[in-house]
PDB file of N, CA and C in Angstrom:
ATOM      1  N   MET A   1     202.259 178.223 170.787  1.00  0.00           N
ATOM      2  CA  MET A   1     202.203 177.288 169.680  1.00  0.00           C
ATOM      3  C   MET A   1     202.583 178.034 168.399  1.00  0.00           C
ATOM      4  N   SER A   2     203.256 177.359 167.525  1.00  0.00           N
ATOM      5  CA  SER A   2     203.672 177.983 166.268  1.00  0.00           C
ATOM      6  C   SER A   2     202.492 178.116 165.312  1.00  0.00           C
ATOM      7  N   THR A   3     202.599 179.054 164.403  1.00  0.00           N
ATOM      8  CA  THR A   3     201.550 179.253 163.404  1.00  0.00           C
ATOM      9  C   THR A   3     201.353 177.994 162.575  1.00  0.00           C
ATOM     10  N   SER A   4     202.444 177.339 162.221  1.00  0.00           N
ATOM     11  CA  SER A   4     202.350 176.112 161.432  1.00  0.00           C
ATOM     12  C   SER A   4     201.550 175.048 162.175  1.00  0.00           C
ATOM     13  N   LEU A   5     201.814 174.877 163.451  1.00  0.00           N
ATOM     14  CA  LEU A   5     201.081 173.884 164.234  1.00  0.00           C
ATOM     15  C   LEU A   5     199.624 174.305 164.392  1.00  0.00           C
ATOM     16  N   ASP A   6     199.381 175.581 164.627  1.00  0.00           N
ATOM     17  CA  ASP A   6     198.004 176.079 164.713  1.00  0.00           C
ATOM     18  C   ASP A   6     197.241 175.774 163.429  1.00  0.00           C
ATOM     19  N   ASP A   7     197.872 176.028 162.297  1.00  0.00           N
ATOM     20  CA  ASP A   7     197.239 175.762 161.001  1.00  0.00           C
ATOM     21  C   ASP A   7     196.946 174.280 160.827  1.00  0.00           C
ATOM     22  N   ARG A   8     197.889 173.445 161.196  1.00  0.00           N
ATOM     23  CA  ARG A   8     197.702 171.996 161.053  1.00  0.00           C
ATOM     24  C   ARG A   8     196.559 171.501 161.932  1.00  0.00           C
ATOM     25  N   LEU A   9     196.492 172.004 163.154  1.00  0.00           N
ATOM     26  CA  LEU A   9     195.413 171.600 164.058  1.00  0.00           C
ATOM     27  C   LEU A   9     194.054 172.085 163.554  1.00  0.00           C
ATOM     28  N   ALA A  10     194.009 173.299 163.026  1.00  0.00           N
ATOM     29  CA  ALA A  10     192.755 173.831 162.486  1.00  0.00           C
ATOM     30  C   ALA A  10     192.294 173.012 161.285  1.00  0.00           C
ATOM     31  N   LEU A  11     193.221 172.637 160.423  1.00  0.00           N
ATOM     32  CA  LEU A  11     192.882 171.827 159.257  1.00  0.00           C
ATOM     33  C   LEU A  11     192.393 170.447 159.676  1.00  0.00           C
ATOM     34  N   ARG A  12     193.045 169.856 160.654  1.00  0.00           N
ATOM     35  CA  ARG A  12     192.620 168.541 161.139  1.00  0.00           C
ATOM     36  C   ARG A  12     191.202 168.608 161.709  1.00  0.00           C
ATOM     37  N   GLU A  13     190.930 169.649 162.504  1.00  0.00           N
ATOM     38  CA  GLU A  13     189.596 169.814 163.075  1.00  0.00           C
ATOM     39  C   GLU A  13     188.548 169.977 161.971  1.00  0.00           C
ATOM     40  N   LEU A  14     188.873 170.739 160.946  1.00  0.00           N
ATOM     41  CA  LEU A  14     187.960 170.950 159.826  1.00  0.00           C
ATOM     42  C   LEU A  14     187.621 169.633 159.131  1.00  0.00           C
ATOM     43  N   VAL A  15     188.628 168.832 158.845  1.00  0.00           N
ATOM     44  CA  VAL A  15     188.411 167.554 158.159  1.00  0.00           C
ATOM     45  C   VAL A  15     187.610 166.593 159.041  1.00  0.00           C
ATOM     46  N   GLU A  16     187.925 166.554 160.327  1.00  0.00           N
ATOM     47  CA  GLU A  16     187.176 165.686 161.238  1.00  0.00           C
ATOM     48  C   GLU A  16     185.714 166.119 161.320  1.00  0.00           C
ATOM     49  N   ASN A  17     185.480 167.426 161.435  1.00  0.00           N
ATOM     50  CA  ASN A  17     184.100 167.923 161.481  1.00  0.00           C
ATOM     51  C   ASN A  17     183.363 167.591 160.196  1.00  0.00           C
ATOM     52  N   TRP A  18     184.035 167.733 159.054  1.00  0.00           N
ATOM     53  CA  TRP A  18     183.415 167.418 157.770  1.00  0.00           C
ATOM     54  C   TRP A  18     182.883 165.983 157.783  1.00  0.00           C
ATOM     55  N   ALA A  19     183.709 165.049 158.212  1.00  0.00           N
ATOM     56  CA  ALA A  19     183.316 163.639 158.204  1.00  0.00           C
ATOM     57  C   ALA A  19     182.212 163.347 159.217  1.00  0.00           C
ATOM     58  N   VAL A  20     182.352 163.865 160.420  1.00  0.00           N
ATOM     59  CA  VAL A  20     181.359 163.600 161.473  1.00  0.00           C
ATOM     60  C   VAL A  20     180.007 164.190 161.095  1.00  0.00           C
ATOM     61  N   TRP A  21     180.003 165.444 160.673  1.00  0.00           N
ATOM     62  CA  TRP A  21     178.737 166.101 160.353  1.00  0.00           C
ATOM     63  C   TRP A  21     178.091 165.507 159.115  1.00  0.00           C
ATOM     64  N   ARG A  22     178.888 165.076 158.145  1.00  0.00           N
ATOM     65  CA  ARG A  22     178.337 164.413 156.954  1.00  0.00           C
ATOM     66  C   ARG A  22     177.690 163.094 157.352  1.00  0.00           C
ATOM     67  N   ASP A  23     178.405 162.285 158.124  1.00  0.00           N
ATOM     68  CA  ASP A  23     177.884 160.977 158.515  1.00  0.00           C
ATOM     69  C   ASP A  23     176.662 161.079 159.417  1.00  0.00           C
ATOM     70  N   ALA A  24     176.575 162.166 160.186  1.00  0.00           N
ATOM     71  CA  ALA A  24     175.435 162.378 161.080  1.00  0.00           C
ATOM     72  C   ALA A  24     174.273 163.078 160.372  1.00  0.00           C
ATOM     73  N   ALA A  25     174.460 163.398 159.100  1.00  0.00           N
ATOM     74  CA  ALA A  25     173.462 164.146 158.327  1.00  0.00           C
ATOM     75  C   ALA A  25     173.113 165.470 159.010  1.00  0.00           C
ATOM     76  N   ASP A  26     174.111 166.082 159.628  1.00  0.00           N
ATOM     77  CA  ASP A  26     173.945 167.391 160.269  1.00  0.00           C
ATOM     78  C   ASP A  26     174.280 168.453 159.225  1.00  0.00           C
ATOM     79  N   TRP A  27     173.353 168.657 158.291  1.00  0.00           N
ATOM     80  CA  TRP A  27     173.627 169.470 157.110  1.00  0.00           C
ATOM     81  C   TRP A  27     173.868 170.933 157.434  1.00  0.00           C
ATOM     82  N   GLU A  28     173.244 171.435 158.492  1.00  0.00           N
ATOM     83  CA  GLU A  28     173.454 172.838 158.853  1.00  0.00           C
ATOM     84  C   GLU A  28     174.913 173.081 159.246  1.00  0.00           C
ATOM     85  N   ARG A  29     175.459 172.230 160.098  1.00  0.00           N
ATOM     86  CA  ARG A  29     176.873 172.391 160.479  1.00  0.00           C
ATOM     87  C   ARG A  29     177.794 171.963 159.349  1.00  0.00           C
ATOM     88  N   PHE A  30     177.411 170.942 158.586  1.00  0.00           N
ATOM     89  CA  PHE A  30     178.215 170.488 157.454  1.00  0.00           C
ATOM     90  C   PHE A  30     178.472 171.629 156.472  1.00  0.00           C
ATOM     91  N   ALA A  31     177.476 172.453 156.236  1.00  0.00           N
ATOM     92  CA  ALA A  31     177.614 173.568 155.299  1.00  0.00           C
ATOM     93  C   ALA A  31     178.644 174.590 155.766  1.00  0.00           C
ATOM     94  N   THR A  32     178.949 174.622 157.064  1.00  0.00           N
ATOM     95  CA  THR A  32     179.890 175.626 157.581  1.00  0.00           C
ATOM     96  C   THR A  32     181.343 175.304 157.269  1.00  0.00           C
ATOM     97  N   VAL A  33     181.648 174.113 156.804  1.00  0.00           N
ATOM     98  CA  VAL A  33     183.050 173.779 156.520  1.00  0.00           C
ATOM     99  C   VAL A  33     183.476 174.205 155.113  1.00  0.00           C
ATOM    100  N   TRP A  34     182.575 174.792 154.354  1.00  0.00           N
ATOM    101  CA  TRP A  34     182.856 175.183 152.981  1.00  0.00           C
ATOM    102  C   TRP A  34     183.013 176.685 152.857  1.00  0.00           C
ATOM    103  N   HIS A  35     183.795 177.112 151.866  1.00  0.00           N
ATOM    104  CA  HIS A  35     183.873 178.533 151.537  1.00  0.00           C
ATOM    105  C   HIS A  35     182.487 178.958 151.059  1.00  0.00           C
ATOM    106  N   PRO A  36     181.983 180.089 151.526  1.00  0.00           N
ATOM    107  CA  PRO A  36     180.588 180.443 151.244  1.00  0.00           C
ATOM    108  C   PRO A  36     180.258 180.743 149.783  1.00  0.00           C
ATOM    109  N   THR A  37     181.237 181.068 148.952  1.00  0.00           N
ATOM    110  CA  THR A  37     180.891 181.420 147.573  1.00  0.00           C
ATOM    111  C   THR A  37     181.452 180.488 146.514  1.00  0.00           C
ATOM    112  N   ASP A  38     182.530 179.783 146.798  1.00  0.00           N
ATOM    113  CA  ASP A  38     183.102 178.961 145.725  1.00  0.00           C
ATOM    114  C   ASP A  38     183.629 177.608 146.192  1.00  0.00           C
ATOM    115  N   GLY A  39     183.042 177.059 147.241  1.00  0.00           N
ATOM    116  CA  GLY A  39     183.442 175.729 147.688  1.00  0.00           C
ATOM    117  C   GLY A  39     183.068 174.676 146.653  1.00  0.00           C
ATOM    118  N   TRP A  40     183.877 173.645 146.553  1.00  0.00           N
ATOM    119  CA  TRP A  40     183.627 172.568 145.591  1.00  0.00           C
ATOM    120  C   TRP A  40     183.834 171.237 146.298  1.00  0.00           C
ATOM    121  N   MET A  41     182.900 170.322 146.123  1.00  0.00           N
ATOM    122  CA  MET A  41     182.992 169.021 146.769  1.00  0.00           C
ATOM    123  C   MET A  41     183.210 167.950 145.718  1.00  0.00           C
ATOM    124  N   SER A  42     184.173 167.080 145.983  1.00  0.00           N
ATOM    125  CA  SER A  42     184.415 165.927 145.119  1.00  0.00           C
ATOM    126  C   SER A  42     184.444 164.686 145.991  1.00  0.00           C
ATOM    127  N   ALA A  43     183.482 163.809 145.782  1.00  0.00           N
ATOM    128  CA  ALA A  43     183.397 162.548 146.512  1.00  0.00           C
ATOM    129  C   ALA A  43     182.958 161.484 145.513  1.00  0.00           C
ATOM    130  N   THR A  44     182.959 160.246 145.932  1.00  0.00           N
ATOM    131  CA  THR A  44     182.540 159.187 145.022  1.00  0.00           C
ATOM    132  C   THR A  44     181.068 159.308 144.664  1.00  0.00           C
ATOM    133  N   TRP A  45     180.285 159.900 145.537  1.00  0.00           N
ATOM    134  CA  TRP A  45     178.845 159.983 145.338  1.00  0.00           C
ATOM    135  C   TRP A  45     178.352 161.353 144.892  1.00  0.00           C
ATOM    136  N   PHE A  46     179.228 162.344 144.838  1.00  0.00           N
ATOM    137  CA  PHE A  46     178.806 163.688 144.438  1.00  0.00           C
ATOM    138  C   PHE A  46     180.010 164.504 144.004  1.00  0.00           C
ATOM    139  N   GLN A  47     179.838 165.274 142.942  1.00  0.00           N
ATOM    140  CA  GLN A  47     180.840 166.246 142.510  1.00  0.00           C
ATOM    141  C   GLN A  47     180.093 167.491 142.073  1.00  0.00           C
ATOM    142  N   GLY A  48     180.387 168.595 142.726  1.00  0.00           N
ATOM    143  CA  GLY A  48     179.710 169.833 142.376  1.00  0.00           C
ATOM    144  C   GLY A  48     179.892 170.882 143.440  1.00  0.00           C
ATOM    145  N   PRO A  49     179.108 171.954 143.337  1.00  0.00           N
ATOM    146  CA  PRO A  49     179.220 173.029 144.321  1.00  0.00           C
ATOM    147  C   PRO A  49     178.955 172.496 145.723  1.00  0.00           C
ATOM    148  N   ALA A  50     179.713 172.988 146.659  1.00  0.00           N
ATOM    149  CA  ALA A  50     179.544 172.556 148.044  1.00  0.00           C
ATOM    150  C   ALA A  50     178.199 173.019 148.572  1.00  0.00           C
ATOM    151  N   PRO A  51     177.657 172.274 149.525  1.00  0.00           N
ATOM    152  CA  PRO A  51     176.378 172.689 150.108  1.00  0.00           C
ATOM    153  C   PRO A  51     176.527 174.041 150.804  1.00  0.00           C
ATOM    154  N   THR A  52     175.503 174.876 150.690  1.00  0.00           N
ATOM    155  CA  THR A  52     175.578 176.203 151.294  1.00  0.00           C
ATOM    156  C   THR A  52     174.485 176.444 152.318  1.00  0.00           C
ATOM    157  N   SER A  53     173.547 175.537 152.451  1.00  0.00           N
ATOM    158  CA  SER A  53     172.497 175.702 153.446  1.00  0.00           C
ATOM    159  C   SER A  53     171.996 174.337 153.862  1.00  0.00           C
ATOM    160  N   SER A  54     171.169 174.307 154.881  1.00  0.00           N
ATOM    161  CA  SER A  54     170.640 173.027 155.344  1.00  0.00           C
ATOM    162  C   SER A  54     169.720 172.438 154.288  1.00  0.00           C
ATOM    163  N   ARG A  55     169.572 171.136 154.315  1.00  0.00           N
ATOM    164  CA  ARG A  55     168.725 170.444 153.330  1.00  0.00           C
ATOM    165  C   ARG A  55     167.375 170.145 153.915  1.00  0.00           C
TER     166      ARG A  55
END
């Protein structure tokens, strides 16, 4: 598989996990989709530093 395709598949998996884990309130796994030191979340219901630990 090409690097470009690998990157696209990895990005798709990341976005899908973000949505599934958010909707399931699986905050421990949800926190893993963010950069550990400077992730930023922008949504209609929240804008700010990305979650870094379980709630």
